[in-house]
Amino acid sequence: MSGGPRSGASDRPTPLAAGKISPAVFRRAVSSHLGAHRKDVLLGPATGVDVGAVRLGAGAVGLFTTDPIYVEPALGWEHACWVAFHLVANDITTSGHPPTHILVDLNLPLDLPERRLSTFMRVWHQEARRLGAAILGGHTGRYPGAQVPVLGGATFFAKVPSGSFAATPLLRPGLSLVMSKAAGIETAVWLAHLLPRDPRTAGSKGSWRAARGRWRELATTPEALLAASLGLGRGGVEAMHDAAEGGVLRALQEMVDASGVGLLVDLSRLPIDPQAAEVCSLYGLDPLSVSSSGALFVALPPGRVRSLLSLWKDRGIPGALVGRFVSGPAVVQDRGRRLPPPPPDRWYQPLGAWSPKAVPRSRD
């Protein structure tokens, strides 16, 4: 259909959907505006790529990732600060390495108490030290309009040996795909904390209460570093990717987009957490299509799958073999059927019917 807007229609441009932009918007608005072309850049921004990589000289590579600092007070402030740290750490550790240096940009509301800033820094100090990372600098200030839960952003950096890191563009045919934990846990955690009084949950109080206590499962740092202990590169772990915004289905498509190779999966075998499925069903959400931080995909040779699953099991981390990468069209196929583009992530839609005043804000 062509021509001008219909009678009564606005001529304003359609706003972008909430959440991470689509690959099409990325191609149109972002990918052709990336500054100078530098020969030291090994990995630049692309759909499905969790880290940028820069050659630092003979034998060394610098890995970078950056993300919003998302501190949701409904979790309890200290727990929320812990989760905020690991939502950024999840990306850098898909390389197989913990961060070595961290930059933090905090844009705080004018009324945020100093004790909350102190708690934030204490938690980030503890988690950074545990991973061997130094908080190198950044910015901290109070500004009108700033508000929780997004309090700025953070950049995590790691200096690693050349050729010794995992990344989705390195995927190749013949590798197996393993998934940790299950789909939907992150969304279940957020909804259970943000909608505690929703009458629709009356028949699911057990799952609701259980989901509230599972916030630590949103970190994939443990399983990523355990996987890396099997080796990185040919013969070991060659790529990892977390199923954050967009969920499991989008993560599968992003791996294909980043690598240009095909992927065969059986969606009926993808692990879906039962509690998450129950919580999602109350709001008509598909657990495979909602934000699922805590689920990590690992690509490695078929002969190493058993070792990885055993390593995870010994640490109490469930895992499952879910697919394999193949030559041919760069598409995701479910038992021979090409999957359509993943649907938008709608995990936040149930929040729309609730006033922010109905959401309890936990005390320190």
Protein backbone atom coordinates (compact mmCIF):
# COMPACT_ATOMS: atom_id res chain seq x y z
CA MET A 1 0.00 0.00 0.00
CA SER A 2 1.35 3.42 -0.94
CA GLY A 3 0.37 7.05 -0.55
CA GLY A 4 0.10 9.38 2.42
CA PRO A 5 -1.25 8.53 5.87
CA ARG A 6 -4.89 7.59 6.07
CA SER A 7 -7.37 10.09 7.44
CA GLY A 8 -6.88 10.50 11.17
CA ALA A 9 -3.53 8.69 11.19
CA SER A 10 -0.48 10.39 12.64
CA ASP A 11 2.43 11.27 10.35
CA ARG A 12 4.85 10.73 13.19
CA PRO A 13 7.29 7.83 12.76
CA THR A 14 6.42 4.58 14.45
CA PRO A 15 8.40 4.34 17.71
CA LEU A 16 10.86 1.50 18.20
CA ALA A 17 9.66 -1.45 20.22
CA ALA A 18 10.83 -1.67 23.83
CA GLY A 19 14.00 -3.63 24.53
CA LYS A 20 16.92 -4.60 22.36
CA ILE A 21 16.60 -3.34 18.78
CA SER A 22 15.93 -5.79 15.98
CA PRO A 23 18.67 -6.93 13.56
CA ALA A 24 16.96 -4.89 10.83
CA VAL A 25 17.11 -1.67 12.87
CA PHE A 26 20.72 -2.47 13.78
CA ARG A 27 21.61 -2.77 10.08
CA ARG A 28 19.79 0.42 9.11
CA ALA A 29 20.72 2.73 11.98
CA VAL A 30 23.87 1.40 13.63
CA SER A 31 26.13 -0.87 11.61
CA SER A 32 27.25 1.72 9.04
CA HIS A 33 28.19 4.32 11.68
CA LEU A 34 31.08 2.77 13.59
CA GLY A 35 33.81 5.36 13.39
CA ALA A 36 37.26 4.77 11.93
CA HIS A 37 38.24 1.48 10.34
CA ARG A 38 41.13 0.18 12.43
CA LYS A 39 43.24 -2.85 11.64
CA ASP A 40 43.55 -3.78 15.31
CA VAL A 41 39.82 -4.54 15.60
CA LEU A 42 39.27 -8.31 15.57
CA LEU A 43 35.57 -8.36 16.47
CA GLY A 44 33.27 -5.39 16.05
CA PRO A 45 29.59 -4.92 16.89
CA ALA A 46 27.21 -7.39 15.27
CA THR A 47 23.99 -9.20 16.08
CA GLY A 48 24.69 -12.08 18.44
CA VAL A 49 28.23 -11.00 19.32
CA ASP A 50 28.70 -10.52 23.07
CA VAL A 51 32.21 -9.06 23.10
CA GLY A 52 34.34 -6.74 21.02
CA ALA A 53 37.97 -7.78 20.49
CA VAL A 54 41.04 -5.62 19.85
CA ARG A 55 44.62 -6.74 19.19
CA LEU A 56 46.84 -5.30 21.94
CA GLY A 57 50.18 -6.30 20.47
CA ALA A 58 52.14 -9.50 20.18
CA GLY A 59 50.30 -12.32 21.91
CA ALA A 60 47.49 -10.35 23.60
CA VAL A 61 43.88 -9.43 22.87
CA GLY A 62 41.56 -7.04 24.70
CA LEU A 63 37.91 -8.04 25.09
CA PHE A 64 35.20 -5.49 25.85
CA THR A 65 31.51 -5.55 26.65
CA THR A 66 29.15 -2.86 27.91
CA ASP A 67 25.59 -2.96 29.25
CA PRO A 68 23.11 -0.96 31.30
CA ILE A 69 23.34 -1.20 35.08
CA TYR A 70 19.90 -2.61 35.91
CA VAL A 71 19.17 -2.45 39.65
CA GLU A 72 15.61 -3.55 40.43
CA PRO A 73 14.81 -2.60 44.06
CA ALA A 74 11.96 -5.12 44.30
CA LEU A 75 14.61 -7.85 44.66
CA GLY A 76 15.96 -6.14 47.77
CA TRP A 77 18.67 -3.57 47.17
CA GLU A 78 21.70 -5.75 47.92
CA HIS A 79 20.40 -8.68 45.86
CA ALA A 80 19.57 -6.28 43.02
CA CYS A 81 23.12 -4.90 43.01
CA TRP A 82 24.49 -8.46 42.81
CA VAL A 83 22.24 -9.30 39.88
CA ALA A 84 23.17 -6.03 38.14
CA PHE A 85 26.85 -6.97 38.31
CA HIS A 86 26.30 -10.42 36.88
CA LEU A 87 24.04 -9.31 34.05
CA VAL A 88 27.10 -7.49 32.69
CA ALA A 89 29.58 -10.20 33.71
CA ASN A 90 27.51 -12.78 31.83
CA ASP A 91 28.53 -11.22 28.51
CA ILE A 92 32.27 -10.93 29.12
CA THR A 93 32.52 -14.48 30.44
CA THR A 94 31.00 -15.87 27.22
CA SER A 95 34.57 -15.35 26.00
CA GLY A 96 35.74 -17.93 28.53
CA HIS A 97 37.49 -15.29 30.62
CA PRO A 98 36.51 -13.22 33.66
CA PRO A 99 36.95 -9.45 33.49
CA THR A 100 40.27 -7.91 34.50
CA HIS A 101 39.12 -4.26 34.62
CA ILE A 102 35.75 -2.54 35.03
CA LEU A 103 34.45 0.98 34.30
CA VAL A 104 31.25 2.09 36.04
CA ASP A 105 28.99 5.01 35.06
CA LEU A 106 26.38 5.74 37.74
CA ASN A 107 23.65 8.29 36.96
CA LEU A 108 21.72 8.41 40.22
CA PRO A 109 18.33 9.88 41.12
CA LEU A 110 18.53 12.99 43.26
CA ASP A 111 16.79 11.25 46.15
CA LEU A 112 18.83 8.01 46.19
CA PRO A 113 20.22 7.67 49.75
CA GLU A 114 23.97 7.52 50.15
CA ARG A 115 23.61 4.18 51.96
CA ARG A 116 22.30 2.67 48.74
CA LEU A 117 25.27 3.97 46.78
CA SER A 118 27.55 2.50 49.45
CA THR A 119 25.80 -0.86 49.23
CA PHE A 120 26.08 -0.86 45.45
CA MET A 121 29.82 -0.19 45.55
CA ARG A 122 30.41 -2.77 48.30
CA VAL A 123 28.63 -5.50 46.34
CA TRP A 124 30.41 -4.64 43.09
CA HIS A 125 33.74 -4.48 44.93
CA GLN A 126 33.17 -7.97 46.37
CA GLU A 127 32.11 -9.53 43.07
CA ALA A 128 34.89 -7.82 41.09
CA ARG A 129 37.52 -8.95 43.60
CA ARG A 130 36.16 -12.50 43.50
CA LEU A 131 36.73 -12.56 39.72
CA GLY A 132 40.10 -10.83 39.94
CA ALA A 133 38.94 -7.55 38.36
CA ALA A 134 39.84 -4.00 39.33
CA ILE A 135 37.26 -1.21 39.15
CA LEU A 136 39.36 1.20 37.12
CA GLY A 137 37.20 4.30 37.03
CA GLY A 138 34.03 5.76 35.57
CA HIS A 139 31.63 8.47 36.67
CA THR A 140 29.17 8.98 39.52
CA GLY A 141 26.62 11.78 39.76
CA ARG A 142 23.03 12.71 40.67
CA TYR A 143 20.74 14.08 37.97
CA PRO A 144 17.12 15.21 37.55
CA GLY A 145 15.22 12.58 35.61
CA ALA A 146 17.50 9.72 36.58
CA GLN A 147 15.58 6.84 38.12
CA VAL A 148 15.79 3.20 39.05
CA PRO A 149 16.07 0.56 37.72
CA VAL A 150 18.54 1.75 35.03
CA LEU A 151 21.29 3.64 36.83
CA GLY A 152 23.82 4.10 34.04
CA GLY A 153 26.13 1.58 32.43
CA ALA A 154 29.27 -0.46 32.92
CA THR A 155 32.09 -1.67 30.68
CA PHE A 156 33.92 -4.90 31.48
CA PHE A 157 37.35 -5.55 29.94
CA ALA A 158 39.59 -8.61 29.86
CA LYS A 159 43.17 -8.96 28.61
CA VAL A 160 43.62 -12.48 27.24
CA PRO A 161 46.12 -14.46 25.14
CA SER A 162 45.69 -14.22 21.37
CA GLY A 163 43.57 -17.01 19.92
CA SER A 164 42.38 -18.11 23.35
CA PHE A 165 38.80 -16.92 23.61
CA ALA A 166 35.33 -18.03 22.55
CA ALA A 167 33.02 -15.96 20.33
CA THR A 168 29.95 -16.63 18.21
CA PRO A 169 31.58 -15.58 14.88
CA LEU A 170 33.97 -18.53 15.39
CA LEU A 171 31.17 -21.11 15.19
CA ARG A 172 31.64 -23.78 12.50
CA PRO A 173 29.77 -26.80 11.18
CA GLY A 174 30.15 -29.98 13.21
CA LEU A 175 30.05 -28.40 16.66
CA SER A 176 27.47 -29.52 19.20
CA LEU A 177 25.33 -27.05 21.13
CA VAL A 178 24.77 -27.47 24.86
CA MET A 179 22.47 -25.36 27.04
CA SER A 180 22.74 -24.74 30.77
CA LYS A 181 19.79 -24.49 33.19
CA ALA A 182 16.51 -23.76 31.40
CA ALA A 183 14.43 -21.19 29.57
CA GLY A 184 12.31 -18.57 31.31
CA ILE A 185 13.90 -18.42 34.76
CA GLU A 186 14.83 -14.73 34.52
CA THR A 187 11.34 -13.62 33.50
CA ALA A 188 9.81 -15.72 36.28
CA VAL A 189 12.11 -14.06 38.82
CA TRP A 190 11.24 -10.53 37.66
CA LEU A 191 7.48 -11.13 37.51
CA ALA A 192 7.40 -12.88 40.87
CA HIS A 193 9.06 -9.85 42.48
CA LEU A 194 7.29 -7.13 40.53
CA LEU A 195 3.73 -8.51 40.65
CA PRO A 196 3.49 -10.12 44.09
CA ARG A 197 -0.16 -9.19 44.66
CA ASP A 198 -1.58 -10.11 41.27
CA PRO A 199 -4.75 -12.16 41.94
CA ARG A 200 -4.01 -14.30 38.88
CA THR A 201 -1.21 -15.96 40.84
CA ALA A 202 -3.49 -17.23 43.60
CA GLY A 203 -3.37 -20.82 42.38
CA SER A 204 0.38 -20.80 41.81
CA LYS A 205 1.73 -19.50 45.10
CA GLY A 206 4.30 -22.30 45.38
CA SER A 207 5.92 -21.51 42.03
CA TRP A 208 5.59 -17.79 42.73
CA ARG A 209 7.41 -18.01 46.07
CA ALA A 210 10.07 -20.33 44.66
CA ALA A 211 10.77 -18.03 41.70
CA ARG A 212 11.37 -15.12 44.08
CA GLY A 213 14.31 -16.98 45.61
CA ARG A 214 16.05 -17.89 42.36
CA TRP A 215 17.75 -14.61 41.53
CA ARG A 216 21.26 -16.09 41.83
CA GLU A 217 20.47 -18.39 38.91
CA LEU A 218 20.53 -15.37 36.57
CA ALA A 219 24.35 -15.51 36.57
CA THR A 220 26.04 -17.65 33.91
CA THR A 221 29.56 -16.77 35.04
CA PRO A 222 30.03 -20.10 36.89
CA GLU A 223 29.12 -22.37 33.98
CA ALA A 224 30.96 -20.24 31.42
CA LEU A 225 34.22 -20.41 33.36
CA LEU A 226 33.75 -24.12 34.05
CA ALA A 227 33.25 -24.69 30.32
CA ALA A 228 36.39 -22.70 29.57
CA SER A 229 38.38 -25.04 31.82
CA LEU A 230 37.98 -27.67 29.07
CA GLY A 231 40.02 -25.43 26.78
CA LEU A 232 39.20 -22.61 24.38
CA GLY A 233 39.49 -22.75 20.59
CA ARG A 234 39.78 -25.80 18.34
CA GLY A 235 39.22 -28.95 20.33
CA GLY A 236 37.60 -27.07 23.20
CA VAL A 237 34.88 -24.48 23.66
CA GLU A 238 34.66 -22.37 20.51
CA ALA A 239 31.65 -20.15 21.25
CA MET A 240 29.24 -19.23 24.04
CA HIS A 241 26.13 -17.04 24.07
CA ASP A 242 23.66 -16.19 26.82
CA ALA A 243 19.90 -16.12 26.33
CA ALA A 244 19.15 -12.68 27.75
CA GLU A 245 16.75 -10.21 26.07
CA GLY A 246 14.70 -12.02 23.45
CA GLY A 247 15.09 -15.35 25.16
CA VAL A 248 16.18 -18.73 23.88
CA LEU A 249 14.69 -18.47 20.39
CA ARG A 250 16.39 -15.16 19.72
CA ALA A 251 19.69 -16.48 21.10
CA LEU A 252 19.58 -19.40 18.67
CA GLN A 253 18.94 -17.06 15.75
CA GLU A 254 21.67 -14.67 16.89
CA MET A 255 24.27 -17.44 16.87
CA VAL A 256 23.34 -18.27 13.30
CA ASP A 257 23.42 -14.59 12.28
CA ALA A 258 26.82 -14.06 13.90
CA SER A 259 28.48 -17.10 12.33
CA GLY A 260 26.79 -17.67 8.98
CA VAL A 261 26.36 -21.40 9.64
CA GLY A 262 23.18 -23.42 10.06
CA LEU A 263 21.78 -24.86 13.28
CA LEU A 264 19.66 -27.98 13.78
CA VAL A 265 17.67 -28.16 17.02
CA ASP A 266 14.73 -30.03 18.48
CA LEU A 267 12.62 -27.45 20.28
CA SER A 268 10.79 -30.19 22.15
CA ARG A 269 14.08 -31.04 23.91
CA LEU A 270 14.99 -27.51 24.95
CA PRO A 271 14.89 -27.33 28.77
CA ILE A 272 12.01 -25.20 30.07
CA ASP A 273 11.90 -24.63 33.80
CA PRO A 274 8.56 -25.91 35.20
CA GLN A 275 8.14 -23.01 37.63
CA ALA A 276 8.97 -20.52 34.90
CA ALA A 277 6.50 -22.21 32.55
CA GLU A 278 3.75 -21.91 35.17
CA VAL A 279 4.49 -18.26 35.85
CA CYS A 280 4.68 -17.44 32.12
CA SER A 281 1.44 -19.29 31.37
CA LEU A 282 -0.47 -16.97 33.71
CA TYR A 283 0.30 -14.09 31.35
CA GLY A 284 0.24 -15.87 27.99
CA LEU A 285 4.02 -15.74 27.61
CA ASP A 286 6.14 -18.35 25.81
CA PRO A 287 9.12 -19.30 28.04
CA LEU A 288 11.26 -19.74 24.90
CA SER A 289 10.64 -16.14 23.81
CA VAL A 290 11.16 -14.18 27.03
CA SER A 291 14.32 -12.88 28.63
CA SER A 292 16.24 -15.85 30.01
CA SER A 293 19.50 -14.67 31.56
CA GLY A 294 20.88 -17.67 33.39
CA ALA A 295 20.64 -19.95 30.35
CA LEU A 296 23.99 -20.27 28.54
CA PHE A 297 24.67 -21.86 25.15
CA VAL A 298 28.07 -23.50 24.64
CA ALA A 299 29.39 -24.79 21.30
CA LEU A 300 32.11 -27.44 21.38
CA PRO A 301 33.12 -30.68 19.59
CA PRO A 302 30.75 -33.63 20.09
CA GLY A 303 33.45 -35.59 21.89
CA ARG A 304 33.61 -32.98 24.67
CA VAL A 305 29.88 -32.78 25.43
CA ARG A 306 29.87 -35.51 28.07
CA SER A 307 32.81 -33.89 29.88
CA LEU A 308 31.06 -30.53 29.99
CA LEU A 309 27.75 -31.91 31.24
CA SER A 310 29.58 -33.92 33.91
CA LEU A 311 31.56 -30.86 34.98
CA TRP A 312 28.39 -28.82 35.34
CA LYS A 313 26.52 -31.61 37.12
CA ASP A 314 29.27 -31.86 39.74
CA ARG A 315 28.63 -28.16 40.53
CA GLY A 316 24.85 -28.50 40.60
CA ILE A 317 24.30 -26.89 37.18
CA PRO A 318 21.88 -28.75 34.88
CA GLY A 319 22.65 -28.95 31.19
CA ALA A 320 21.42 -30.60 28.02
CA LEU A 321 22.58 -31.29 24.47
CA VAL A 322 20.14 -29.31 22.29
CA GLY A 323 21.54 -29.11 18.75
CA ARG A 324 24.39 -29.10 16.27
CA PHE A 325 25.79 -26.65 13.75
CA VAL A 326 25.79 -27.61 10.07
CA SER A 327 26.94 -26.26 6.74
CA GLY A 328 24.41 -24.86 4.34
CA PRO A 329 21.89 -22.03 4.81
CA ALA A 330 22.46 -19.86 7.88
CA VAL A 331 19.06 -20.67 9.41
CA VAL A 332 17.71 -22.39 12.51
CA GLN A 333 15.79 -25.59 11.80
CA ASP A 334 13.56 -27.46 14.22
CA ARG A 335 13.48 -31.10 13.11
CA GLY A 336 13.91 -30.07 9.48
CA ARG A 337 11.50 -27.12 9.59
CA ARG A 338 12.97 -23.66 9.24
CA LEU A 339 12.01 -21.50 12.19
CA PRO A 340 10.50 -18.07 11.50
CA PRO A 341 12.20 -14.97 12.93
CA PRO A 342 11.92 -14.97 16.72
CA PRO A 343 9.00 -12.97 18.13
CA PRO A 344 9.58 -9.81 20.21
CA ASP A 345 10.30 -10.27 23.89
CA ARG A 346 7.12 -9.33 25.78
CA TRP A 347 8.10 -10.23 29.34
CA TYR A 348 7.33 -6.71 30.59
CA GLN A 349 3.78 -6.50 29.19
CA PRO A 350 2.10 -7.86 32.36
CA LEU A 351 3.52 -4.85 34.21
CA GLY A 352 1.48 -2.45 32.11
CA ALA A 353 -1.74 -3.03 34.05
CA TRP A 354 -0.11 -2.23 37.35
CA SER A 355 0.64 1.15 38.82
CA PRO A 356 4.23 1.54 40.05
CA LYS A 357 2.67 2.27 43.46
CA ALA A 358 1.39 -1.31 43.52
CA VAL A 359 4.93 -2.65 43.27
CA PRO A 360 6.64 -2.84 46.67
CA ARG A 361 10.10 -1.31 46.91
CA SER A 362 12.16 -3.31 49.37
CA ARG A 363 14.02 -1.70 52.20
CA ASP A 364 17.81 -2.00 52.45
